[in-house]
């Protein structure tokens, strides 16, 4: 509902088509009667279709309705946010080390929730071997299949060949959970019990003078 929505006493028409709080059709009633029914139900009379003849009004909790509508609007705006598209460029003849480096970049982009446009750049006679680029793109798509999927299949675009990868739903959340698990300190190993201090036996004390046995004759 907009800020201009009319409710309760602001509805100034002779009669309305009334919808009850449960969605039931009450019919055409005088606006005074509709307002009385809303008051008796401890709810609001809300004009939901002002352009109808007569206008359609519904008995509802307007405050709750506005809150739920705002929540839905925020969720809709969130879902409509443009997805960031990153780009990773490769050459058709790429060594394994360079490939792994570029693949890590793609993995990082997908984990962040971004789409990735992968571009194979052909030079000179390489343009006559498009299958090299196609196989490379298919290989990359398979290597990151646990994080994303091929949204746009490989296609030739002039001297380049492109493919778009999109992250799986929830890939960003899973990546964060994995990072948190890896960052968590390992459980401390139980400390060994302290060994008892060794006991030392005292040497027998020498008898005091005059207390020993008298020497025999």
N, C-alpha and C. Protein backbone atom coordinates (compact mmCIF):
# COMPACT_ATOMS: atom_id res chain seq x y z
N UNK A 1 0.84 -1.20 0.00
CA UNK A 1 0.00 0.00 0.00
C UNK A 1 0.88 1.25 0.00
N UNK A 2 0.45 2.26 -0.72
CA UNK A 2 1.21 3.49 -0.78
C UNK A 2 0.84 4.38 0.39
N UNK A 3 1.57 5.51 0.50
CA UNK A 3 1.29 6.46 1.58
C UNK A 3 -0.06 7.13 1.39
N UNK A 4 -0.61 7.06 0.16
CA UNK A 4 -1.89 7.69 -0.12
C UNK A 4 -3.08 6.77 0.14
N UNK A 5 -2.82 5.57 0.59
CA UNK A 5 -3.92 4.63 0.85
C UNK A 5 -4.87 5.22 1.89
N UNK A 6 -6.14 5.18 1.60
CA UNK A 6 -7.14 5.71 2.54
C UNK A 6 -7.61 4.60 3.46
N UNK A 7 -7.71 4.93 4.73
CA UNK A 7 -8.18 3.97 5.72
C UNK A 7 -9.20 4.65 6.64
N UNK A 8 -10.08 3.83 7.20
CA UNK A 8 -11.04 4.27 8.22
C UNK A 8 -11.80 5.52 7.79
N UNK A 9 -11.77 6.57 8.64
CA UNK A 9 -12.57 7.76 8.37
C UNK A 9 -12.13 8.54 7.13
N UNK A 10 -10.95 8.23 6.60
CA UNK A 10 -10.48 8.94 5.41
C UNK A 10 -11.17 8.43 4.14
N UNK A 11 -11.90 7.33 4.26
CA UNK A 11 -12.64 6.81 3.11
C UNK A 11 -13.96 7.56 3.02
N UNK A 12 -14.08 8.48 2.08
CA UNK A 12 -15.24 9.38 2.01
C UNK A 12 -16.06 9.09 0.76
N UNK A 13 -16.69 7.93 0.74
CA UNK A 13 -17.60 7.57 -0.35
C UNK A 13 -18.88 7.03 0.28
N UNK A 14 -19.99 7.08 -0.43
CA UNK A 14 -21.25 6.62 0.18
C UNK A 14 -21.25 5.13 0.51
N UNK A 15 -20.73 4.31 -0.40
CA UNK A 15 -20.75 2.87 -0.16
C UNK A 15 -19.51 2.21 -0.75
N UNK A 16 -19.23 1.01 -0.26
CA UNK A 16 -18.03 0.29 -0.70
C UNK A 16 -18.39 -1.19 -0.91
N UNK A 17 -17.55 -1.86 -1.70
CA UNK A 17 -17.66 -3.32 -1.80
C UNK A 17 -16.73 -3.88 -0.73
N UNK A 18 -17.29 -4.55 0.26
CA UNK A 18 -16.54 -4.93 1.45
C UNK A 18 -16.06 -6.38 1.38
N UNK A 19 -14.79 -6.55 1.78
CA UNK A 19 -14.19 -7.87 1.93
C UNK A 19 -13.87 -8.05 3.41
N UNK A 20 -14.29 -9.15 3.99
CA UNK A 20 -14.09 -9.40 5.40
C UNK A 20 -12.65 -9.74 5.74
N UNK A 21 -12.31 -9.82 7.03
CA UNK A 21 -10.93 -10.08 7.45
C UNK A 21 -10.41 -11.43 7.00
N UNK A 22 -11.30 -12.38 6.75
CA UNK A 22 -10.86 -13.69 6.27
C UNK A 22 -10.88 -13.83 4.77
N UNK A 23 -11.13 -12.72 4.05
CA UNK A 23 -11.18 -12.76 2.60
C UNK A 23 -12.57 -13.02 2.04
N UNK A 24 -13.56 -13.15 2.93
CA UNK A 24 -14.92 -13.43 2.46
C UNK A 24 -15.56 -12.18 1.88
N UNK A 25 -16.37 -12.37 0.84
CA UNK A 25 -17.05 -11.27 0.18
C UNK A 25 -18.32 -10.92 0.97
N UNK A 26 -18.35 -9.71 1.53
CA UNK A 26 -19.52 -9.26 2.29
C UNK A 26 -20.55 -8.64 1.35
N UNK A 27 -20.05 -7.93 0.33
CA UNK A 27 -20.95 -7.29 -0.62
C UNK A 27 -20.88 -5.78 -0.53
N UNK A 28 -21.81 -5.12 -1.19
CA UNK A 28 -21.83 -3.65 -1.19
C UNK A 28 -22.60 -3.17 0.04
N UNK A 29 -21.92 -2.36 0.84
CA UNK A 29 -22.53 -1.85 2.08
C UNK A 29 -22.22 -0.36 2.19
N UNK A 30 -22.96 0.31 3.04
CA UNK A 30 -22.67 1.72 3.30
C UNK A 30 -21.33 1.81 4.02
N UNK A 31 -20.59 2.87 3.73
CA UNK A 31 -19.26 3.01 4.32
C UNK A 31 -19.35 3.08 5.84
N UNK A 32 -20.46 3.66 6.38
CA UNK A 32 -20.61 3.72 7.83
C UNK A 32 -20.72 2.32 8.43
N UNK A 33 -21.45 1.44 7.74
CA UNK A 33 -21.60 0.07 8.23
C UNK A 33 -20.27 -0.69 8.14
N UNK A 34 -19.53 -0.46 7.07
CA UNK A 34 -18.24 -1.13 6.91
C UNK A 34 -17.27 -0.70 8.00
N UNK A 35 -17.28 0.59 8.30
CA UNK A 35 -16.40 1.10 9.35
C UNK A 35 -16.81 0.54 10.71
N UNK A 36 -18.10 0.43 10.94
CA UNK A 36 -18.57 -0.13 12.22
C UNK A 36 -18.11 -1.58 12.38
N UNK A 37 -18.20 -2.37 11.31
CA UNK A 37 -17.75 -3.76 11.37
C UNK A 37 -16.24 -3.85 11.66
N UNK A 38 -15.48 -2.93 11.07
CA UNK A 38 -14.04 -2.93 11.31
C UNK A 38 -13.73 -2.59 12.76
N UNK A 39 -14.45 -1.61 13.30
CA UNK A 39 -14.23 -1.23 14.70
C UNK A 39 -14.60 -2.37 15.63
N UNK A 40 -15.70 -3.05 15.34
CA UNK A 40 -16.13 -4.18 16.18
C UNK A 40 -15.11 -5.31 16.16
N UNK A 41 -14.40 -5.46 15.05
CA UNK A 41 -13.38 -6.51 14.94
C UNK A 41 -12.02 -6.03 15.43
N UNK A 42 -11.97 -4.78 15.93
CA UNK A 42 -10.71 -4.18 16.39
C UNK A 42 -9.66 -4.18 15.28
N UNK A 43 -10.12 -3.87 14.06
CA UNK A 43 -9.24 -3.82 12.90
C UNK A 43 -9.47 -2.52 12.14
N UNK A 44 -8.88 -2.41 10.96
CA UNK A 44 -8.99 -1.20 10.15
C UNK A 44 -9.79 -1.49 8.88
N UNK A 45 -10.42 -0.44 8.37
CA UNK A 45 -11.07 -0.51 7.07
C UNK A 45 -10.12 0.12 6.06
N UNK A 46 -9.64 -0.68 5.11
CA UNK A 46 -8.59 -0.23 4.18
C UNK A 46 -9.12 -0.28 2.76
N UNK A 47 -8.93 0.81 2.03
CA UNK A 47 -9.35 0.89 0.63
C UNK A 47 -8.27 0.23 -0.23
N UNK A 48 -8.58 -0.95 -0.79
CA UNK A 48 -7.58 -1.71 -1.53
C UNK A 48 -7.71 -1.54 -3.04
N UNK A 49 -8.86 -1.10 -3.53
CA UNK A 49 -9.05 -0.87 -4.97
C UNK A 49 -9.85 0.41 -5.15
N UNK A 50 -9.17 1.57 -5.05
CA UNK A 50 -9.89 2.85 -5.09
C UNK A 50 -10.52 3.16 -6.44
N UNK A 51 -10.03 2.55 -7.52
CA UNK A 51 -10.56 2.86 -8.86
C UNK A 51 -11.79 2.05 -9.22
N UNK A 52 -12.11 1.05 -8.39
CA UNK A 52 -13.31 0.25 -8.67
C UNK A 52 -14.55 1.07 -8.35
N UNK A 53 -15.68 0.66 -8.90
CA UNK A 53 -16.94 1.35 -8.64
C UNK A 53 -17.99 0.35 -8.17
N UNK A 54 -18.32 0.37 -6.86
CA UNK A 54 -17.74 1.23 -5.83
C UNK A 54 -16.36 0.73 -5.41
N UNK A 55 -15.59 1.55 -4.69
CA UNK A 55 -14.26 1.13 -4.26
C UNK A 55 -14.33 -0.14 -3.40
N UNK A 56 -13.28 -0.95 -3.51
CA UNK A 56 -13.20 -2.17 -2.71
C UNK A 56 -12.42 -1.88 -1.44
N UNK A 57 -13.01 -2.25 -0.32
CA UNK A 57 -12.36 -2.06 0.97
C UNK A 57 -12.27 -3.41 1.69
N UNK A 58 -11.24 -3.55 2.49
CA UNK A 58 -11.06 -4.80 3.23
C UNK A 58 -10.82 -4.49 4.70
N UNK A 59 -11.37 -5.34 5.55
CA UNK A 59 -11.14 -5.21 6.99
C UNK A 59 -9.86 -5.98 7.31
N UNK A 60 -8.87 -5.28 7.87
CA UNK A 60 -7.57 -5.91 8.15
C UNK A 60 -6.82 -5.12 9.20
N UNK A 61 -5.71 -5.70 9.66
CA UNK A 61 -4.78 -5.00 10.55
C UNK A 61 -3.82 -4.23 9.64
N UNK A 62 -4.05 -2.94 9.50
CA UNK A 62 -3.29 -2.16 8.53
C UNK A 62 -1.81 -2.06 8.91
N UNK A 63 -1.52 -1.92 10.21
CA UNK A 63 -0.13 -1.83 10.65
C UNK A 63 0.65 -3.09 10.30
N UNK A 64 0.05 -4.25 10.55
CA UNK A 64 0.71 -5.51 10.22
C UNK A 64 0.87 -5.66 8.71
N UNK A 65 -0.15 -5.22 7.97
CA UNK A 65 -0.09 -5.32 6.52
C UNK A 65 1.04 -4.46 5.95
N UNK A 66 1.18 -3.24 6.46
CA UNK A 66 2.25 -2.37 5.98
C UNK A 66 3.62 -2.96 6.26
N UNK A 67 3.78 -3.56 7.45
CA UNK A 67 5.07 -4.16 7.82
C UNK A 67 5.41 -5.31 6.87
N UNK A 68 4.44 -6.19 6.62
CA UNK A 68 4.68 -7.33 5.74
C UNK A 68 4.95 -6.87 4.30
N UNK A 69 4.25 -5.82 3.87
CA UNK A 69 4.47 -5.30 2.52
C UNK A 69 5.88 -4.72 2.38
N UNK A 70 6.34 -4.03 3.44
CA UNK A 70 7.69 -3.47 3.41
C UNK A 70 8.74 -4.57 3.37
N UNK A 71 8.49 -5.65 4.12
CA UNK A 71 9.42 -6.78 4.11
C UNK A 71 9.51 -7.39 2.71
N UNK A 72 8.37 -7.57 2.07
CA UNK A 72 8.35 -8.14 0.72
C UNK A 72 9.06 -7.22 -0.27
N UNK A 73 8.87 -5.91 -0.11
CA UNK A 73 9.51 -4.97 -1.03
C UNK A 73 11.03 -5.01 -0.89
N UNK A 74 11.51 -5.10 0.37
CA UNK A 74 12.96 -5.18 0.58
C UNK A 74 13.52 -6.47 -0.02
N UNK A 75 12.81 -7.57 0.17
CA UNK A 75 13.27 -8.85 -0.38
C UNK A 75 13.29 -8.81 -1.90
N UNK A 76 12.29 -8.15 -2.48
CA UNK A 76 12.23 -8.04 -3.94
C UNK A 76 13.40 -7.21 -4.47
N UNK A 77 13.70 -6.09 -3.79
CA UNK A 77 14.84 -5.26 -4.22
C UNK A 77 16.14 -6.03 -4.10
N UNK A 78 16.25 -6.82 -3.04
CA UNK A 78 17.47 -7.61 -2.84
C UNK A 78 17.66 -8.60 -3.96
N UNK A 79 16.57 -9.26 -4.37
CA UNK A 79 16.65 -10.26 -5.43
C UNK A 79 16.89 -9.63 -6.79
N UNK A 80 16.55 -8.34 -6.94
CA UNK A 80 16.70 -7.68 -8.22
C UNK A 80 18.06 -7.01 -8.39
N UNK A 81 18.89 -7.09 -7.35
CA UNK A 81 20.21 -6.48 -7.45
C UNK A 81 21.00 -7.16 -8.56
N UNK A 82 21.69 -6.37 -9.35
CA UNK A 82 22.44 -6.92 -10.46
C UNK A 82 23.60 -7.76 -9.95
N UNK A 83 23.75 -8.93 -10.55
CA UNK A 83 24.85 -9.80 -10.18
C UNK A 83 26.14 -9.28 -10.80
N UNK A 84 27.19 -9.23 -10.00
CA UNK A 84 28.48 -8.76 -10.49
C UNK A 84 29.05 -9.80 -11.45
N UNK A 85 29.55 -9.34 -12.59
CA UNK A 85 30.17 -10.24 -13.57
C UNK A 85 31.66 -9.94 -13.65
N UNK A 86 32.46 -10.92 -13.28
CA UNK A 86 33.91 -10.81 -13.39
C UNK A 86 34.34 -11.40 -14.72
N UNK A 87 35.58 -11.13 -15.10
CA UNK A 87 36.08 -11.70 -16.35
C UNK A 87 37.45 -12.32 -16.13
N UNK A 88 37.65 -13.48 -16.73
CA UNK A 88 38.95 -14.14 -16.69
C UNK A 88 39.35 -14.49 -18.12
N UNK A 89 40.52 -14.03 -18.51
CA UNK A 89 41.00 -14.26 -19.88
C UNK A 89 42.06 -15.36 -19.89
N UNK A 90 42.01 -16.19 -20.93
CA UNK A 90 42.97 -17.26 -21.10
C UNK A 90 43.41 -17.32 -22.56
N UNK A 91 44.56 -17.94 -22.78
CA UNK A 91 45.02 -18.23 -24.13
C UNK A 91 44.73 -19.69 -24.43
N UNK A 92 44.45 -20.03 -25.70
CA UNK A 92 44.12 -21.42 -26.02
C UNK A 92 45.26 -22.39 -25.72
N UNK A 93 46.50 -21.93 -25.88
CA UNK A 93 47.66 -22.76 -25.54
C UNK A 93 48.22 -22.25 -24.22
N UNK A 94 47.79 -22.87 -23.14
CA UNK A 94 48.14 -22.41 -21.80
C UNK A 94 48.80 -23.55 -21.05
N UNK A 95 49.88 -23.24 -20.32
CA UNK A 95 50.55 -24.30 -19.57
C UNK A 95 49.77 -24.60 -18.29
N UNK A 96 50.07 -25.72 -17.68
CA UNK A 96 49.31 -26.18 -16.52
C UNK A 96 49.39 -25.20 -15.35
N UNK A 97 50.57 -24.63 -15.11
CA UNK A 97 50.72 -23.71 -13.98
C UNK A 97 49.85 -22.48 -14.17
N UNK A 98 49.88 -21.92 -15.36
CA UNK A 98 49.07 -20.73 -15.63
C UNK A 98 47.58 -21.07 -15.56
N UNK A 99 47.23 -22.25 -16.03
CA UNK A 99 45.82 -22.67 -15.98
C UNK A 99 45.34 -22.75 -14.54
N UNK A 100 46.14 -23.35 -13.67
CA UNK A 100 45.74 -23.48 -12.26
C UNK A 100 45.58 -22.11 -11.61
N UNK A 101 46.45 -21.17 -11.98
CA UNK A 101 46.34 -19.81 -11.43
C UNK A 101 45.03 -19.16 -11.87
N UNK A 102 44.71 -19.28 -13.16
CA UNK A 102 43.47 -18.69 -13.66
C UNK A 102 42.25 -19.40 -13.07
N UNK A 103 42.36 -20.70 -12.89
CA UNK A 103 41.23 -21.45 -12.31
C UNK A 103 40.96 -21.00 -10.88
N UNK A 104 42.04 -20.74 -10.12
CA UNK A 104 41.85 -20.26 -8.74
C UNK A 104 41.12 -18.92 -8.73
N UNK A 105 41.41 -18.08 -9.70
CA UNK A 105 40.69 -16.80 -9.79
C UNK A 105 39.19 -17.04 -10.02
N UNK A 106 38.88 -17.97 -10.92
CA UNK A 106 37.48 -18.28 -11.20
C UNK A 106 36.80 -18.84 -9.97
N UNK A 107 37.48 -19.72 -9.25
CA UNK A 107 36.93 -20.29 -8.01
C UNK A 107 36.63 -19.18 -7.01
N UNK A 108 37.56 -18.24 -6.87
CA UNK A 108 37.37 -17.13 -5.92
C UNK A 108 36.16 -16.28 -6.31
N UNK A 109 36.00 -16.01 -7.60
CA UNK A 109 34.86 -15.21 -8.05
C UNK A 109 33.54 -15.93 -7.76
N UNK A 110 33.49 -17.22 -8.07
CA UNK A 110 32.25 -17.97 -7.85
C UNK A 110 31.92 -18.07 -6.36
N UNK A 111 32.93 -18.26 -5.54
CA UNK A 111 32.70 -18.34 -4.09
C UNK A 111 32.17 -17.02 -3.54
N UNK A 112 32.53 -15.91 -4.20
CA UNK A 112 32.04 -14.60 -3.78
C UNK A 112 30.63 -14.33 -4.31
N UNK A 113 30.08 -15.26 -5.08
CA UNK A 113 28.73 -15.09 -5.60
C UNK A 113 28.65 -14.35 -6.92
N UNK A 114 29.79 -14.19 -7.60
CA UNK A 114 29.81 -13.45 -8.87
C UNK A 114 29.76 -14.41 -10.05
N UNK A 115 29.18 -13.92 -11.14
CA UNK A 115 29.27 -14.65 -12.40
C UNK A 115 30.65 -14.39 -13.00
N UNK A 116 31.08 -15.29 -13.86
CA UNK A 116 32.40 -15.15 -14.47
C UNK A 116 32.28 -15.32 -15.98
N UNK A 117 32.74 -14.30 -16.70
CA UNK A 117 32.83 -14.40 -18.15
C UNK A 117 34.25 -14.85 -18.48
N UNK A 118 34.37 -16.04 -19.03
CA UNK A 118 35.68 -16.59 -19.38
C UNK A 118 35.91 -16.36 -20.87
N UNK A 119 37.02 -15.72 -21.19
CA UNK A 119 37.32 -15.36 -22.57
C UNK A 119 38.60 -16.03 -23.04
N UNK A 120 38.51 -16.77 -24.13
CA UNK A 120 39.69 -17.35 -24.77
C UNK A 120 40.11 -16.41 -25.89
N UNK A 121 41.36 -15.93 -25.84
CA UNK A 121 41.85 -14.97 -26.83
C UNK A 121 42.72 -15.71 -27.86
N UNK A 122 42.28 -15.68 -29.11
CA UNK A 122 43.02 -16.32 -30.20
C UNK A 122 43.90 -15.29 -30.90
N UNK A 123 45.05 -15.75 -31.33
CA UNK A 123 45.95 -14.89 -32.10
C UNK A 123 46.42 -15.63 -33.35
N UNK A 124 46.54 -14.88 -34.43
CA UNK A 124 47.09 -15.43 -35.66
C UNK A 124 46.40 -16.70 -36.10
N UNK A 125 47.22 -17.74 -36.34
CA UNK A 125 46.69 -19.00 -36.85
C UNK A 125 45.86 -19.75 -35.81
N UNK A 126 45.92 -19.33 -34.55
CA UNK A 126 45.10 -19.99 -33.53
C UNK A 126 43.61 -19.88 -33.85
N UNK A 127 43.24 -18.86 -34.62
CA UNK A 127 41.83 -18.68 -34.95
C UNK A 127 41.28 -19.82 -35.80
N UNK A 128 42.17 -20.56 -36.43
CA UNK A 128 41.73 -21.70 -37.24
C UNK A 128 41.56 -22.96 -36.40
N UNK A 129 41.82 -22.86 -35.10
CA UNK A 129 41.68 -24.01 -34.21
C UNK A 129 40.71 -23.69 -33.07
N UNK A 130 39.45 -23.37 -33.37
CA UNK A 130 38.51 -23.02 -32.31
C UNK A 130 38.26 -24.16 -31.33
N UNK A 131 38.52 -25.41 -31.77
CA UNK A 131 38.29 -26.54 -30.87
C UNK A 131 39.20 -26.49 -29.65
N UNK A 132 40.36 -25.83 -29.78
CA UNK A 132 41.25 -25.69 -28.62
C UNK A 132 40.59 -24.86 -27.53
N UNK A 133 40.00 -23.76 -27.93
CA UNK A 133 39.31 -22.92 -26.96
C UNK A 133 38.09 -23.61 -26.37
N UNK A 134 37.36 -24.32 -27.22
CA UNK A 134 36.15 -25.01 -26.75
C UNK A 134 36.51 -26.06 -25.70
N UNK A 135 37.55 -26.85 -25.98
CA UNK A 135 37.94 -27.89 -25.02
C UNK A 135 38.43 -27.28 -23.71
N UNK A 136 39.13 -26.16 -23.81
CA UNK A 136 39.63 -25.50 -22.61
C UNK A 136 38.48 -24.98 -21.75
N UNK A 137 37.49 -24.40 -22.39
CA UNK A 137 36.34 -23.89 -21.64
C UNK A 137 35.55 -25.02 -21.00
N UNK A 138 35.39 -26.11 -21.72
CA UNK A 138 34.69 -27.26 -21.16
C UNK A 138 35.46 -27.84 -19.98
N UNK A 139 36.77 -27.88 -20.09
CA UNK A 139 37.60 -28.38 -18.99
C UNK A 139 37.44 -27.51 -17.75
N UNK A 140 37.47 -26.19 -17.95
CA UNK A 140 37.31 -25.28 -16.82
C UNK A 140 35.93 -25.43 -16.19
N UNK A 141 34.90 -25.54 -17.02
CA UNK A 141 33.55 -25.71 -16.48
C UNK A 141 33.43 -26.96 -15.64
N UNK A 142 34.09 -28.04 -16.07
CA UNK A 142 34.04 -29.29 -15.31
C UNK A 142 34.82 -29.17 -14.01
N UNK A 143 35.94 -28.44 -14.04
CA UNK A 143 36.79 -28.32 -12.85
C UNK A 143 36.13 -27.52 -11.73
N UNK A 144 35.21 -26.62 -12.08
CA UNK A 144 34.56 -25.78 -11.06
C UNK A 144 33.08 -26.13 -10.92
N UNK A 145 32.71 -27.33 -11.37
CA UNK A 145 31.29 -27.70 -11.39
C UNK A 145 30.68 -27.75 -10.00
N UNK A 146 31.51 -27.94 -8.95
CA UNK A 146 30.95 -27.98 -7.59
C UNK A 146 30.57 -26.59 -7.10
N UNK A 147 31.08 -25.55 -7.75
CA UNK A 147 30.80 -24.17 -7.33
C UNK A 147 29.87 -23.43 -8.30
N UNK A 148 29.90 -23.80 -9.57
CA UNK A 148 29.09 -23.07 -10.55
C UNK A 148 28.74 -23.95 -11.73
N UNK A 149 27.97 -23.38 -12.63
CA UNK A 149 27.52 -24.11 -13.81
C UNK A 149 27.67 -23.21 -15.04
N UNK A 150 27.68 -23.83 -16.21
CA UNK A 150 27.81 -23.07 -17.46
C UNK A 150 26.46 -22.46 -17.80
N UNK A 151 26.36 -21.14 -17.61
CA UNK A 151 25.10 -20.44 -17.89
C UNK A 151 24.97 -20.13 -19.37
N UNK A 152 26.08 -19.74 -19.99
CA UNK A 152 26.10 -19.47 -21.43
C UNK A 152 27.18 -20.33 -22.06
N UNK A 153 26.80 -21.20 -22.95
CA UNK A 153 27.74 -22.13 -23.57
C UNK A 153 28.79 -21.39 -24.39
N UNK A 154 29.95 -22.02 -24.60
CA UNK A 154 31.01 -21.38 -25.38
C UNK A 154 30.51 -20.96 -26.76
N UNK A 155 30.87 -19.74 -27.15
CA UNK A 155 30.49 -19.26 -28.48
C UNK A 155 31.58 -18.34 -29.01
N UNK A 156 31.76 -18.37 -30.31
CA UNK A 156 32.77 -17.55 -30.96
C UNK A 156 32.30 -16.11 -31.03
N UNK A 157 33.19 -15.19 -30.66
CA UNK A 157 32.87 -13.76 -30.70
C UNK A 157 34.05 -13.05 -31.35
N UNK A 158 34.06 -13.03 -32.68
CA UNK A 158 35.18 -12.43 -33.39
C UNK A 158 36.44 -13.26 -33.19
N UNK A 159 37.48 -12.64 -32.66
CA UNK A 159 38.74 -13.34 -32.42
C UNK A 159 38.75 -14.05 -31.07
N UNK A 160 37.67 -13.93 -30.33
CA UNK A 160 37.61 -14.53 -29.01
C UNK A 160 36.51 -15.58 -28.94
N UNK A 161 36.59 -16.41 -27.92
CA UNK A 161 35.52 -17.36 -27.60
C UNK A 161 35.17 -17.14 -26.14
N UNK A 162 33.88 -17.01 -25.85
CA UNK A 162 33.46 -16.68 -24.49
C UNK A 162 32.49 -17.72 -23.94
N UNK A 163 32.46 -17.77 -22.61
CA UNK A 163 31.55 -18.63 -21.87
C UNK A 163 31.25 -17.94 -20.55
N UNK A 164 30.04 -18.07 -20.05
CA UNK A 164 29.68 -17.46 -18.77
C UNK A 164 29.37 -18.55 -17.76
N UNK A 165 30.03 -18.46 -16.60
CA UNK A 165 29.78 -19.36 -15.48
C UNK A 165 28.98 -18.62 -14.43
N UNK A 166 28.03 -19.29 -13.82
CA UNK A 166 27.22 -18.69 -12.76
C UNK A 166 27.35 -19.54 -11.51
N UNK A 167 27.39 -18.91 -10.32
CA UNK A 167 27.54 -19.69 -9.09
C UNK A 167 26.26 -20.45 -8.75
N UNK A 168 26.43 -21.62 -8.17
CA UNK A 168 25.28 -22.34 -7.65
C UNK A 168 24.65 -21.54 -6.52
N UNK A 169 23.36 -21.69 -6.33
CA UNK A 169 22.68 -21.01 -5.23
C UNK A 169 23.25 -21.52 -3.91
N UNK A 170 23.67 -20.59 -3.05
CA UNK A 170 24.23 -20.97 -1.76
C UNK A 170 25.73 -21.20 -1.79
N UNK A 171 26.38 -21.02 -2.95
CA UNK A 171 27.82 -21.24 -3.02
C UNK A 171 28.58 -20.28 -2.13
N UNK A 172 28.11 -19.03 -2.06
CA UNK A 172 28.77 -18.03 -1.23
C UNK A 172 28.66 -18.40 0.24
N UNK A 173 27.48 -18.88 0.66
CA UNK A 173 27.28 -19.26 2.05
C UNK A 173 28.16 -20.44 2.41
N UNK A 174 28.24 -21.44 1.50
CA UNK A 174 29.07 -22.60 1.77
C UNK A 174 30.54 -22.22 1.87
N UNK A 175 30.97 -21.29 1.03
CA UNK A 175 32.37 -20.86 1.06
C UNK A 175 32.70 -20.19 2.38
N UNK A 176 31.78 -19.36 2.88
CA UNK A 176 32.02 -18.70 4.16
C UNK A 176 32.09 -19.71 5.29
N UNK A 177 31.21 -20.71 5.24
CA UNK A 177 31.21 -21.73 6.28
C UNK A 177 32.51 -22.52 6.26
N UNK A 178 33.01 -22.80 5.05
CA UNK A 178 34.26 -23.54 4.94
C UNK A 178 35.42 -22.72 5.47
N UNK A 179 35.43 -21.42 5.18
CA UNK A 179 36.49 -20.56 5.68
C UNK A 179 36.47 -20.50 7.20
N UNK A 180 35.26 -20.41 7.77
CA UNK A 180 35.14 -20.35 9.22
C UNK A 180 35.64 -21.64 9.86
N UNK A 181 35.34 -22.77 9.21
CA UNK A 181 35.78 -24.05 9.76
C UNK A 181 37.29 -24.17 9.71
N UNK A 182 37.90 -23.67 8.63
CA UNK A 182 39.34 -23.75 8.51
C UNK A 182 40.05 -22.80 9.46
N UNK A 183 39.39 -21.69 9.77
CA UNK A 183 40.00 -20.70 10.66
C UNK A 183 39.86 -21.07 12.13
N UNK A 184 38.94 -21.97 12.43
CA UNK A 184 38.72 -22.34 13.83
C UNK A 184 39.95 -23.03 14.37
N UNK A 185 40.41 -22.66 15.56
CA UNK A 185 41.59 -23.31 16.13
C UNK A 185 41.31 -24.77 16.43
N UNK A 186 42.31 -25.57 16.22
CA UNK A 186 42.16 -26.99 16.52
C UNK A 186 41.96 -27.16 18.02
N UNK A 187 41.20 -28.17 18.36
CA UNK A 187 40.95 -28.42 19.77
C UNK A 187 42.27 -28.75 20.46
N UNK A 188 42.46 -28.14 21.60
CA UNK A 188 43.69 -28.37 22.34
C UNK A 188 43.75 -29.81 22.82
N UNK A 189 44.91 -30.42 22.63
CA UNK A 189 45.07 -31.80 23.10
C UNK A 189 45.09 -31.81 24.61
N UNK A 190 44.53 -32.85 25.24
CA UNK A 190 44.53 -32.88 26.71
C UNK A 190 45.94 -32.89 27.26
N UNK A 191 46.17 -32.09 28.26
CA UNK A 191 47.49 -32.00 28.86
C UNK A 191 47.78 -33.27 29.63
N UNK A 192 48.99 -33.78 29.53
CA UNK A 192 49.32 -35.00 30.29
C UNK A 192 49.27 -34.71 31.77
N UNK A 193 48.83 -35.72 32.53
CA UNK A 193 48.75 -35.55 33.98
C UNK A 193 50.15 -35.37 34.55
N UNK A 194 50.25 -34.46 35.49
CA UNK A 194 51.54 -34.19 36.11
C UNK A 194 52.00 -35.42 36.88
N UNK A 195 53.23 -35.84 36.63
CA UNK A 195 53.75 -37.02 37.33
C UNK A 195 54.04 -36.67 38.78
N UNK A 196 53.79 -37.64 39.64
CA UNK A 196 54.01 -37.41 41.06
C UNK A 196 55.49 -37.22 41.33
N UNK A 197 55.78 -36.30 42.21
CA UNK A 197 57.17 -36.04 42.55
C UNK A 197 57.77 -37.27 43.23
N UNK A 198 58.96 -37.68 42.84
CA UNK A 198 59.56 -38.88 43.46
C UNK A 198 59.78 -38.67 44.95
N UNK A 199 59.45 -39.70 45.70
CA UNK A 199 59.63 -39.62 47.16
C UNK A 199 61.01 -40.14 47.51
N UNK A 200 61.66 -39.48 48.41
CA UNK A 200 63.01 -39.90 48.85
C UNK A 200 62.93 -40.38 50.27
N UNK A 201 63.52 -41.56 50.49
CA UNK A 201 63.53 -42.11 51.84
C UNK A 201 64.63 -41.45 52.65
N UNK A 202 64.27 -41.05 53.83
CA UNK A 202 65.27 -40.41 54.70
C UNK A 202 66.22 -41.47 55.25
N UNK A 203 67.48 -41.13 55.31
CA UNK A 203 68.46 -42.06 55.91
C UNK A 203 68.20 -42.18 57.40
N UNK A 204 68.37 -43.37 57.98
CA UNK A 204 68.14 -43.52 59.44
C UNK A 204 69.06 -42.62 60.23
N UNK A 205 68.47 -41.97 61.20
CA UNK A 205 69.27 -41.03 62.00
C UNK A 205 70.17 -41.80 62.96
N UNK A 206 71.34 -41.25 63.20
CA UNK A 206 72.31 -41.89 64.12
C UNK A 206 71.80 -41.80 65.54
N UNK A 207 72.02 -42.84 66.34
CA UNK A 207 71.56 -42.78 67.75
C UNK A 207 72.25 -41.68 68.51
N UNK A 208 71.52 -41.11 69.42
CA UNK A 208 72.11 -40.05 70.24
C UNK A 208 73.17 -40.63 71.15
N UNK A 209 74.16 -39.85 71.49
CA UNK A 209 75.23 -40.36 72.38
C UNK A 209 74.65 -40.85 73.70
N UNK A 210 75.14 -42.02 74.15
CA UNK A 210 74.73 -42.56 75.45
C UNK A 210 73.49 -43.38 75.39
N UNK A 211 72.89 -43.44 74.24
CA UNK A 211 71.66 -44.21 74.16
C UNK A 211 71.87 -45.53 73.49
N UNK A 212 73.08 -45.76 72.93
CA UNK A 212 73.32 -47.01 72.23
C UNK A 212 73.57 -48.15 73.20
N UNK A 213 73.65 -49.37 72.68
CA UNK A 213 73.94 -50.52 73.54
C UNK A 213 75.35 -50.41 74.10
N UNK A 214 75.48 -50.77 75.34
CA UNK A 214 76.81 -50.72 75.98
C UNK A 214 77.67 -51.81 75.40
N UNK A 215 78.93 -51.54 75.16
CA UNK A 215 79.79 -52.58 74.61
C UNK A 215 79.95 -53.72 75.59
N UNK A 216 79.93 -54.92 75.10
CA UNK A 216 80.08 -56.09 75.97
C UNK A 216 81.52 -56.27 76.35
N UNK A 217 81.75 -56.78 77.58
CA UNK A 217 83.09 -57.00 78.03
C UNK A 217 83.70 -58.18 77.32
